[in-house]
Amino acid sequence: MTHLSLSLLPARLLRLTRIASPITLARRYTMAAPNSPLAKVIDEVKVDILTRTQEHSTIESLLLRVSRTVPTQEMYAYAVQASLGDDVYDEPCTKVLEAHMAKLTGKEAALFMPSGTMSNQLALRTHLKQPPYSVLCDHRAHIARYEAGGTAFHSGAQLDYAIPANGHHLTLDDVKEHVVLGMDVHTCPTAVIELENTLNGTIMPQEDIIAISQFAHSHDIKMHLDGARIWHVAAETATPLKELCDPFDSVSLCFSKGLGAPIGSCLVGTQEFITRARWFRKMFGGGMRQTGFMAASAAYALTHHFPLLSRVHALTRRLETGLKDIGVHITSGAETCMVFFDPSPIGVSYAELVARASKLPSPIKLGGSRLVVHIQTTDETVDDFLALVRQLAQEKRDGGFVATEAHAKVNKPMLSRMLDPIGYAGTSITGYLSLS
């Protein structure tokens, strides 16, 4: 991967704008007389939010979601060197990042976004020109389940869902079964096919993506990729981002999930597409001002955190192996950073496991049947979790639990993944929302 550095910018753009800070001005000038009405208003407005939160101090013990990663001190130190330009007027650090992302993915242009949801929704809004139109996607897709009906609201588009026959990923046969072609006035023609890679931690084979893309383009259908976690695919398969993104007309890539930046996503595509998407970004309220520190955080994550994903995948596989050895049923194995599991064969419920994990000396936060390993998950967290599961299994055996044939036949990886993609089957714990 090309090293992205602020050194690519002219030195004059990296110097902080020479303006006096508000604190300096407050000390220099009397802003309000003591006990005056203005002084009282000023006191009411003041707030101190710099409290060290639990999230900041326990991130390494989360097996819940990759979006819980937090920026490091090194990332902060790098980010504060960024320019203070205005993104609406071509902020230079953001422009360098966008150019890097376009080159990295083999596209003509890129657009920095505050979130992956906005990247997806702007991509669809930009592709969809004249109704009637529909978007075909996997029924587990983020745009289908976790973007608040945005496709209908923003684009007036119908979402058509396809359930993979193989229980793992969509194939061309699945697409052909659900795609809407032709000019029948009773139907809503497919204008965009949206895929997600990874989806629930699983990698979609590139040959299936290419086959779907060729079919789509032969029928003048656009292809969009929700590549929020495409970094995991690149790390696991050693495939260049350009090759992974080539079959698509547009791709959304997230910096804040697996890579640990505090905010940010990037949408890539043709120059014409990105120019129009920028217009919609403004319309959606996504135009931002001093984005340099956000872009710098993303750049730091690309350079320093992306190489850590291979360790994440290895740790996830170790977690899966440990659970299997204890007798836990794996409903979907570790392809990248997620494991879906069912502890019922050892007589343990999700609710019991979640409750006990939260009471460990170093508490572990869980979210049901899905376990997520991220760049800040420690080996000790995985060891502690496996030790807890092992202890619970022994307690159940000591209490007389005997695995029956029914327990042994728990074998529902496809059903579990299809009906419960986030991982809440069988748990009454609803306080942990796992929407990473």
Protein backbone atom coordinates (compact mmCIF):
# COMPACT_ATOMS: atom_id res chain seq x y z
CA MET A 1 0.00 0.00 0.00
CA THR A 2 1.23 3.48 -0.85
CA HIS A 3 2.23 5.41 2.25
CA LEU A 4 -0.05 8.40 2.63
CA SER A 5 1.64 11.27 4.39
CA LEU A 6 0.95 14.89 5.14
CA SER A 7 4.44 15.49 3.76
CA LEU A 8 2.79 15.44 0.34
CA LEU A 9 1.37 18.85 1.15
CA PRO A 10 3.23 22.15 0.80
CA ALA A 11 4.66 23.23 4.13
CA ARG A 12 2.67 26.44 4.08
CA LEU A 13 -0.57 24.45 4.13
CA LEU A 14 0.45 22.55 7.25
CA ARG A 15 1.09 25.64 9.36
CA LEU A 16 -1.72 26.51 11.68
CA THR A 17 -3.62 29.57 10.61
CA ARG A 18 -2.17 32.52 12.47
CA ILE A 19 -5.16 33.59 14.48
CA ALA A 20 -5.36 34.18 18.19
CA SER A 21 -7.09 31.38 20.08
CA PRO A 22 -10.36 32.16 21.90
CA ILE A 23 -8.62 31.53 25.23
CA THR A 24 -5.91 34.05 24.36
CA LEU A 25 -8.52 36.61 23.36
CA ALA A 26 -10.51 35.99 26.54
CA ARG A 27 -7.43 36.66 28.64
CA ARG A 28 -6.49 39.71 26.62
CA TYR A 29 -9.83 41.43 26.62
CA THR A 30 -12.57 41.76 29.20
CA MET A 31 -15.46 39.95 27.51
CA ALA A 32 -18.07 40.66 30.15
CA ALA A 33 -18.17 42.44 33.46
CA PRO A 34 -18.40 40.12 36.49
CA ASN A 35 -22.00 39.39 37.55
CA SER A 36 -23.33 41.10 34.43
CA PRO A 37 -26.19 39.48 32.45
CA LEU A 38 -23.72 38.52 29.71
CA ALA A 39 -21.36 36.91 32.23
CA LYS A 40 -24.24 34.77 33.49
CA VAL A 41 -25.08 33.65 29.95
CA ILE A 42 -21.41 32.82 29.34
CA ASP A 43 -21.31 30.70 32.50
CA GLU A 44 -24.44 28.82 31.41
CA VAL A 45 -22.91 28.01 28.03
CA LYS A 46 -19.65 26.61 29.43
CA VAL A 47 -19.24 22.83 29.50
CA ASP A 48 -16.39 20.40 30.21
CA ILE A 49 -16.83 17.10 28.35
CA LEU A 50 -13.32 15.72 28.81
CA THR A 51 -14.24 12.94 31.20
CA ARG A 52 -12.43 9.66 30.73
CA THR A 53 -15.28 7.33 29.82
CA GLN A 54 -15.63 3.61 30.29
CA GLU A 55 -15.62 3.13 26.52
CA HIS A 56 -12.21 4.77 26.31
CA SER A 57 -10.64 2.60 28.97
CA THR A 58 -12.16 -0.82 28.16
CA ILE A 59 -12.11 -0.97 24.38
CA GLU A 60 -9.72 -3.92 24.44
CA SER A 61 -12.34 -6.07 26.23
CA LEU A 62 -15.13 -5.66 23.69
CA LEU A 63 -16.13 -8.64 21.55
CA LEU A 64 -19.11 -6.69 20.27
CA ARG A 65 -18.50 -4.56 17.19
CA VAL A 66 -15.63 -3.18 15.15
CA SER A 67 -17.08 0.33 15.15
CA ARG A 68 -16.20 0.52 18.88
CA THR A 69 -12.51 0.95 18.04
CA VAL A 70 -11.14 4.28 19.25
CA PRO A 71 -8.43 6.62 17.95
CA THR A 72 -4.99 6.24 19.47
CA GLN A 73 -2.81 9.00 20.88
CA GLU A 74 -0.48 8.54 17.91
CA MET A 75 -3.39 9.10 15.54
CA TYR A 76 -4.37 12.27 17.39
CA ALA A 77 -0.78 13.54 17.27
CA TYR A 78 -0.71 13.04 13.50
CA ALA A 79 -4.18 14.50 12.94
CA VAL A 80 -3.52 17.82 14.68
CA GLN A 81 -0.85 18.60 12.09
CA ALA A 82 -3.48 18.78 9.35
CA SER A 83 -4.45 21.93 7.54
CA LEU A 84 -7.33 24.08 8.78
CA GLY A 85 -8.80 24.56 5.34
CA ASP A 86 -12.49 24.39 4.49
CA ASP A 87 -13.65 21.24 2.67
CA VAL A 88 -16.42 23.15 0.89
CA TYR A 89 -13.58 25.16 -0.64
CA ASP A 90 -11.14 22.32 -1.37
CA GLU A 91 -9.44 21.57 1.97
CA PRO A 92 -5.95 20.37 0.94
CA CYS A 93 -5.43 17.38 3.27
CA THR A 94 -8.84 16.01 2.34
CA LYS A 95 -8.00 16.43 -1.34
CA VAL A 96 -4.80 14.42 -0.91
CA LEU A 97 -6.75 11.64 0.80
CA GLU A 98 -9.42 11.64 -1.92
CA ALA A 99 -6.79 11.45 -4.65
CA HIS A 100 -5.10 8.57 -2.83
CA MET A 101 -8.38 6.69 -2.47
CA ALA A 102 -9.22 7.14 -6.14
CA LYS A 103 -5.83 5.79 -7.17
CA LEU A 104 -5.97 2.96 -4.62
CA THR A 105 -9.33 1.73 -5.91
CA GLY A 106 -8.64 2.36 -9.59
CA LYS A 107 -11.39 4.96 -9.92
CA GLU A 108 -11.29 8.46 -11.37
CA ALA A 109 -12.38 10.38 -8.28
CA ALA A 110 -13.31 10.10 -4.61
CA LEU A 111 -15.42 12.02 -2.12
CA PHE A 112 -14.87 12.10 1.66
CA MET A 113 -18.03 11.46 3.68
CA PRO A 114 -18.91 11.60 7.37
CA SER A 115 -20.37 8.07 7.39
CA GLY A 116 -20.73 4.86 5.43
CA THR A 117 -24.51 5.22 5.48
CA MET A 118 -24.24 8.56 3.71
CA SER A 119 -21.78 7.08 1.21
CA ASN A 120 -24.21 4.29 0.35
CA GLN A 121 -27.24 6.54 0.17
CA LEU A 122 -25.49 9.17 -1.95
CA ALA A 123 -24.23 6.48 -4.30
CA LEU A 124 -27.74 5.14 -4.86
CA ARG A 125 -29.21 8.64 -5.18
CA THR A 126 -26.56 9.52 -7.77
CA HIS A 127 -27.04 6.34 -9.81
CA LEU A 128 -30.83 6.51 -9.85
CA LYS A 129 -31.91 8.98 -12.49
CA GLN A 130 -35.57 8.53 -13.43
CA PRO A 131 -38.19 6.35 -11.72
CA PRO A 132 -39.55 3.76 -11.67
CA TYR A 133 -36.48 1.96 -10.44
CA SER A 134 -35.45 -0.62 -7.87
CA VAL A 135 -32.26 -1.72 -6.11
CA LEU A 136 -31.50 -5.44 -5.78
CA CYS A 137 -29.46 -6.51 -2.75
CA ASP A 138 -28.85 -9.35 -0.32
CA HIS A 139 -31.63 -9.39 2.27
CA ARG A 140 -28.98 -9.03 5.02
CA ALA A 141 -27.44 -5.92 3.45
CA HIS A 142 -26.76 -2.83 5.54
CA ILE A 143 -28.87 -0.70 3.17
CA ALA A 144 -31.77 -3.10 3.71
CA ARG A 145 -31.61 -3.44 7.49
CA TYR A 146 -29.66 -0.63 9.11
CA GLU A 147 -30.02 2.60 7.14
CA ALA A 148 -33.47 3.59 8.42
CA GLY A 149 -35.24 3.10 5.11
CA GLY A 150 -32.97 5.69 3.53
CA THR A 151 -33.18 4.26 0.02
CA ALA A 152 -36.94 4.75 -0.06
CA PHE A 153 -36.78 8.14 1.64
CA HIS A 154 -33.90 9.71 -0.28
CA SER A 155 -34.23 8.04 -3.67
CA GLY A 156 -37.83 6.86 -3.84
CA ALA A 157 -36.51 3.45 -4.84
CA GLN A 158 -37.93 0.03 -4.19
CA LEU A 159 -35.58 -2.42 -2.49
CA ASP A 160 -35.77 -5.99 -3.77
CA TYR A 161 -34.19 -8.61 -1.51
CA ALA A 162 -32.50 -11.82 -2.60
CA ILE A 163 -31.78 -14.71 -0.22
CA PRO A 164 -28.62 -16.60 -1.22
CA ALA A 165 -29.45 -20.19 -2.08
CA ASN A 166 -26.09 -21.31 -0.66
CA GLY A 167 -26.64 -19.49 2.64
CA HIS A 168 -23.35 -17.64 2.25
CA HIS A 169 -23.34 -15.15 -0.63
CA LEU A 170 -25.34 -14.11 -3.68
CA THR A 171 -24.52 -15.81 -6.96
CA LEU A 172 -25.50 -14.96 -10.52
CA ASP A 173 -28.31 -17.53 -10.29
CA ASP A 174 -29.73 -15.69 -7.26
CA VAL A 175 -29.54 -12.40 -9.12
CA LYS A 176 -31.20 -13.76 -12.25
CA GLU A 177 -34.03 -15.12 -10.14
CA HIS A 178 -34.79 -11.71 -8.60
CA VAL A 179 -33.67 -9.10 -11.13
CA VAL A 180 -36.44 -7.17 -12.91
CA LEU A 181 -35.80 -6.59 -16.61
CA GLY A 182 -37.96 -5.36 -19.48
CA MET A 183 -40.70 -2.78 -19.80
CA ASP A 184 -43.68 -4.46 -18.16
CA VAL A 185 -45.60 -1.54 -16.67
CA HIS A 186 -46.58 -3.65 -13.67
CA THR A 187 -42.98 -4.02 -12.51
CA CYS A 188 -40.21 -1.84 -11.10
CA PRO A 189 -37.04 -2.38 -13.20
CA THR A 190 -33.73 -3.05 -11.47
CA ALA A 191 -31.45 -0.04 -11.89
CA VAL A 192 -28.73 -0.90 -9.35
CA ILE A 193 -27.39 -4.14 -7.91
CA GLU A 194 -25.79 -3.57 -4.51
CA LEU A 195 -23.37 -6.06 -2.98
CA GLU A 196 -21.56 -6.04 0.37
CA ASN A 197 -18.07 -7.39 0.99
CA THR A 198 -17.49 -8.49 3.66
CA LEU A 199 -21.05 -9.28 4.75
CA ASN A 200 -21.34 -10.42 8.37
CA GLY A 201 -17.63 -11.19 8.28
CA THR A 202 -17.80 -13.47 5.22
CA ILE A 203 -15.91 -12.89 1.99
CA MET A 204 -17.79 -12.90 -1.30
CA PRO A 205 -15.78 -14.79 -3.95
CA GLN A 206 -14.43 -12.42 -6.59
CA GLU A 207 -15.47 -14.74 -9.43
CA ASP A 208 -19.12 -14.46 -8.36
CA ILE A 209 -18.83 -10.69 -8.13
CA ILE A 210 -17.39 -10.52 -11.65
CA ALA A 211 -20.13 -12.76 -13.04
CA ILE A 212 -22.86 -10.60 -11.49
CA SER A 213 -21.14 -7.42 -12.70
CA GLN A 214 -20.87 -8.64 -16.28
CA PHE A 215 -24.54 -9.62 -16.27
CA ALA A 216 -25.58 -6.29 -14.74
CA HIS A 217 -23.60 -4.15 -17.16
CA SER A 218 -24.92 -6.14 -20.12
CA HIS A 219 -28.38 -4.97 -19.05
CA ASP A 220 -27.34 -1.37 -18.29
CA ILE A 221 -27.62 -1.94 -14.53
CA LYS A 222 -25.21 -0.10 -12.23
CA MET A 223 -23.13 -1.93 -9.60
CA HIS A 224 -22.49 -0.48 -6.13
CA LEU A 225 -20.36 -2.07 -3.41
CA ASP A 226 -20.81 -1.43 0.27
CA GLY A 227 -17.13 -1.94 1.02
CA ALA A 228 -17.20 -0.74 4.61
CA ARG A 229 -15.05 -3.75 5.48
CA ILE A 230 -13.36 -4.32 2.12
CA TRP A 231 -10.07 -3.82 3.98
CA HIS A 232 -10.59 -7.22 5.60
CA VAL A 233 -10.98 -8.85 2.19
CA ALA A 234 -7.78 -7.24 0.94
CA ALA A 235 -5.86 -8.28 4.07
CA GLU A 236 -7.14 -11.86 4.09
CA THR A 237 -6.77 -12.57 0.36
CA ALA A 238 -3.80 -10.27 -0.41
CA THR A 239 -5.85 -8.86 -3.30
CA PRO A 240 -5.21 -5.24 -4.36
CA LEU A 241 -8.08 -2.84 -3.68
CA LYS A 242 -8.13 -1.91 -7.36
CA GLU A 243 -8.93 -5.49 -8.34
CA LEU A 244 -11.61 -5.84 -5.67
CA CYS A 245 -13.29 -2.60 -6.74
CA ASP A 246 -12.95 -3.01 -10.50
CA PRO A 247 -16.34 -4.72 -11.12
CA PHE A 248 -18.24 -1.84 -9.51
CA ASP A 249 -19.35 1.56 -10.76
CA SER A 250 -19.14 2.94 -7.22
CA VAL A 251 -17.70 1.78 -3.92
CA SER A 252 -18.13 2.99 -0.34
CA LEU A 253 -15.14 2.39 1.96
CA CYS A 254 -15.21 3.04 5.70
CA PHE A 255 -12.31 4.33 7.81
CA SER A 256 -13.96 4.11 11.23
CA LYS A 257 -14.83 0.42 11.58
CA GLY A 258 -12.01 -2.05 11.15
CA LEU A 259 -9.39 0.69 10.78
CA GLY A 260 -10.13 2.65 13.94
CA ALA A 261 -10.47 6.22 12.66
CA PRO A 262 -12.94 8.36 14.65
CA ILE A 263 -15.06 9.24 11.62
CA GLY A 264 -15.16 9.02 7.88
CA SER A 265 -15.95 7.11 4.75
CA CYS A 266 -15.05 7.57 1.10
CA LEU A 267 -17.16 7.14 -2.02
CA VAL A 268 -15.30 6.42 -5.26
CA GLY A 269 -16.38 6.33 -8.90
CA THR A 270 -16.06 8.19 -12.17
CA GLN A 271 -15.37 11.92 -12.17
CA GLU A 272 -18.87 12.62 -13.47
CA PHE A 273 -20.40 10.43 -10.79
CA ILE A 274 -18.43 12.03 -7.94
CA THR A 275 -19.17 15.55 -9.20
CA ARG A 276 -22.89 14.81 -9.01
CA ALA A 277 -22.50 13.00 -5.67
CA ARG A 278 -20.79 16.09 -4.24
CA TRP A 279 -23.87 18.07 -5.19
CA PHE A 280 -26.10 15.59 -3.39
CA ARG A 281 -23.76 15.60 -0.38
CA LYS A 282 -24.36 19.32 -0.05
CA MET A 283 -28.10 18.77 -0.44
CA PHE A 284 -28.07 16.06 2.24
CA GLY A 285 -26.26 18.37 4.68
CA GLY A 286 -23.00 16.47 4.42
CA GLY A 287 -20.77 19.37 3.41
CA MET A 288 -18.23 19.93 6.18
CA ARG A 289 -15.69 22.60 7.06
CA GLN A 290 -12.34 21.79 8.72
CA THR A 291 -12.08 18.15 7.63
CA GLY A 292 -8.29 18.05 7.56
CA PHE A 293 -7.97 16.35 10.95
CA MET A 294 -10.59 13.77 9.91
CA ALA A 295 -8.75 13.03 6.67
CA ALA A 296 -5.45 12.84 8.55
CA SER A 297 -6.95 10.34 11.00
CA ALA A 298 -8.10 8.22 8.07
CA ALA A 299 -4.65 8.47 6.48
CA TYR A 300 -3.02 7.35 9.72
CA ALA A 301 -5.42 4.40 9.93
CA LEU A 302 -4.62 3.33 6.37
CA THR A 303 -0.89 3.48 6.99
CA HIS A 304 -0.65 2.07 10.51
CA HIS A 305 -3.84 0.10 11.25
CA PHE A 306 -4.54 -1.72 8.00
CA PRO A 307 -1.42 -3.92 8.51
CA LEU A 308 -2.92 -5.08 11.83
CA LEU A 309 -5.90 -6.84 10.22
CA SER A 310 -3.97 -10.05 9.56
CA ARG A 311 -3.41 -10.39 13.32
CA VAL A 312 -7.13 -9.73 13.88
CA HIS A 313 -8.05 -12.58 11.54
CA ALA A 314 -5.60 -14.96 13.21
CA LEU A 315 -7.00 -14.09 16.64
CA THR A 316 -10.54 -14.66 15.36
CA ARG A 317 -9.60 -18.11 14.09
CA ARG A 318 -8.05 -18.91 17.47
CA LEU A 319 -11.30 -17.85 19.12
CA GLU A 320 -13.29 -20.13 16.81
CA THR A 321 -10.99 -23.09 17.42
CA GLY A 322 -11.18 -22.60 21.18
CA LEU A 323 -14.98 -22.56 21.13
CA LYS A 324 -15.11 -25.71 19.01
CA ASP A 325 -12.77 -27.51 21.40
CA ILE A 326 -15.12 -26.71 24.29
CA GLY A 327 -18.11 -28.09 22.38
CA VAL A 328 -19.75 -24.84 21.30
CA HIS A 329 -21.47 -25.00 17.93
CA ILE A 330 -20.12 -22.56 15.33
CA THR A 331 -22.97 -21.34 13.13
CA SER A 332 -20.68 -19.29 10.89
CA GLY A 333 -16.92 -19.59 10.99
CA ALA A 334 -14.10 -17.09 11.09
CA GLU A 335 -13.39 -15.86 7.56
CA THR A 336 -12.23 -12.45 8.75
CA CYS A 337 -13.10 -10.84 12.10
CA MET A 338 -16.41 -12.41 13.14
CA VAL A 339 -17.59 -15.70 14.62
CA PHE A 340 -21.25 -16.66 15.05
CA PHE A 341 -21.83 -19.29 17.70
CA ASP A 342 -24.48 -21.25 19.60
CA PRO A 343 -23.59 -22.32 23.17
CA SER A 344 -26.70 -24.48 23.69
CA PRO A 345 -24.80 -27.78 23.06
CA ILE A 346 -22.93 -27.16 26.33
CA GLY A 347 -26.13 -26.14 28.14
CA VAL A 348 -25.37 -22.42 28.25
CA SER A 349 -27.69 -19.62 27.10
CA TYR A 350 -26.61 -16.36 25.49
CA ALA A 351 -28.13 -14.36 28.33
CA GLU A 352 -26.17 -16.35 30.91
CA LEU A 353 -22.94 -15.94 29.00
CA VAL A 354 -23.43 -12.20 28.53
CA ALA A 355 -24.19 -11.73 32.22
CA ARG A 356 -21.22 -13.76 33.45
CA ALA A 357 -18.82 -12.09 31.00
CA SER A 358 -19.84 -8.68 32.31
CA LYS A 359 -18.87 -9.73 35.87
CA LEU A 360 -15.35 -10.93 35.12
CA PRO A 361 -12.46 -9.12 36.89
CA SER A 362 -11.79 -7.58 33.47
CA PRO A 363 -15.38 -7.41 32.17
CA ILE A 364 -16.05 -8.44 28.58
CA LYS A 365 -18.97 -6.91 26.70
CA LEU A 366 -20.82 -9.29 24.38
CA GLY A 367 -23.76 -8.89 22.05
CA GLY A 368 -25.45 -12.25 21.60
CA SER A 369 -24.44 -14.86 19.06
CA ARG A 370 -21.92 -12.70 17.22
CA LEU A 371 -18.34 -12.25 18.40
CA VAL A 372 -16.27 -9.53 16.77
CA VAL A 373 -12.50 -9.19 17.05
CA HIS A 374 -10.92 -5.84 16.17
CA ILE A 375 -7.51 -4.21 16.09
CA GLN A 376 -7.70 -3.28 19.78
CA THR A 377 -8.86 -6.69 21.02
CA THR A 378 -6.15 -8.24 23.19
CA ASP A 379 -5.06 -11.87 23.31
CA GLU A 380 -5.95 -11.78 27.02
CA THR A 381 -9.57 -10.89 26.22
CA VAL A 382 -9.92 -13.94 23.98
CA ASP A 383 -8.20 -16.14 26.59
CA ASP A 384 -10.47 -14.83 29.36
CA PHE A 385 -13.58 -15.40 27.26
CA LEU A 386 -12.61 -18.97 26.38
CA ALA A 387 -11.78 -19.66 30.02
CA LEU A 388 -15.24 -18.42 31.01
CA VAL A 389 -16.98 -20.61 28.43
CA ARG A 390 -14.91 -23.58 29.59
CA GLN A 391 -15.85 -22.88 33.21
CA LEU A 392 -19.56 -22.58 32.37
CA ALA A 393 -19.47 -25.85 30.43
CA GLN A 394 -17.91 -27.58 33.44
CA GLU A 395 -20.49 -26.08 35.80
CA LYS A 396 -23.28 -27.42 33.59
CA ARG A 397 -21.74 -30.90 33.54
CA ASP A 398 -21.29 -30.81 37.32
CA GLY A 399 -24.96 -29.88 37.59
CA GLY A 400 -26.00 -32.93 35.61
CA PHE A 401 -26.37 -31.47 32.12
CA VAL A 402 -25.93 -34.09 29.44
CA ALA A 403 -25.80 -33.15 25.77
CA THR A 404 -28.57 -35.00 23.96
CA GLU A 405 -28.82 -35.96 20.33
CA ALA A 406 -30.95 -32.87 19.82
CA HIS A 407 -28.15 -30.70 21.20
CA ALA A 408 -25.60 -32.48 19.04
CA LYS A 409 -27.70 -31.89 15.93
CA VAL A 410 -27.73 -28.13 16.31
CA ASN A 411 -26.64 -27.35 12.80
CA LYS A 412 -28.22 -24.25 11.41
CA PRO A 413 -25.49 -22.03 9.99
CA MET A 414 -27.53 -20.93 6.99
CA LEU A 415 -30.74 -20.34 8.95
CA SER A 416 -28.91 -18.54 11.74
CA ARG A 417 -27.10 -16.25 9.34
CA MET A 418 -30.18 -15.60 7.21
CA LEU A 419 -32.72 -14.93 9.93
CA ASP A 420 -30.43 -13.46 12.55
CA PRO A 421 -27.52 -11.76 10.73
CA ILE A 422 -26.58 -9.51 13.63
CA GLY A 423 -26.55 -12.28 16.20
CA TYR A 424 -29.39 -12.03 18.69
CA ALA A 425 -31.10 -15.41 18.29
CA GLY A 426 -31.88 -16.87 21.67
CA THR A 427 -30.75 -13.93 23.80
CA SER A 428 -32.90 -11.71 25.96
CA ILE A 429 -30.13 -9.15 26.23
CA THR A 430 -31.42 -6.24 24.16
CA GLY A 431 -29.31 -3.47 25.63
CA TYR A 432 -26.26 -4.23 23.50
CA LEU A 433 -26.97 -3.00 20.01
CA SER A 434 -24.51 -4.54 17.59
CA LEU A 435 -24.93 -2.68 14.33
CA SER A 436 -21.30 -2.35 13.27
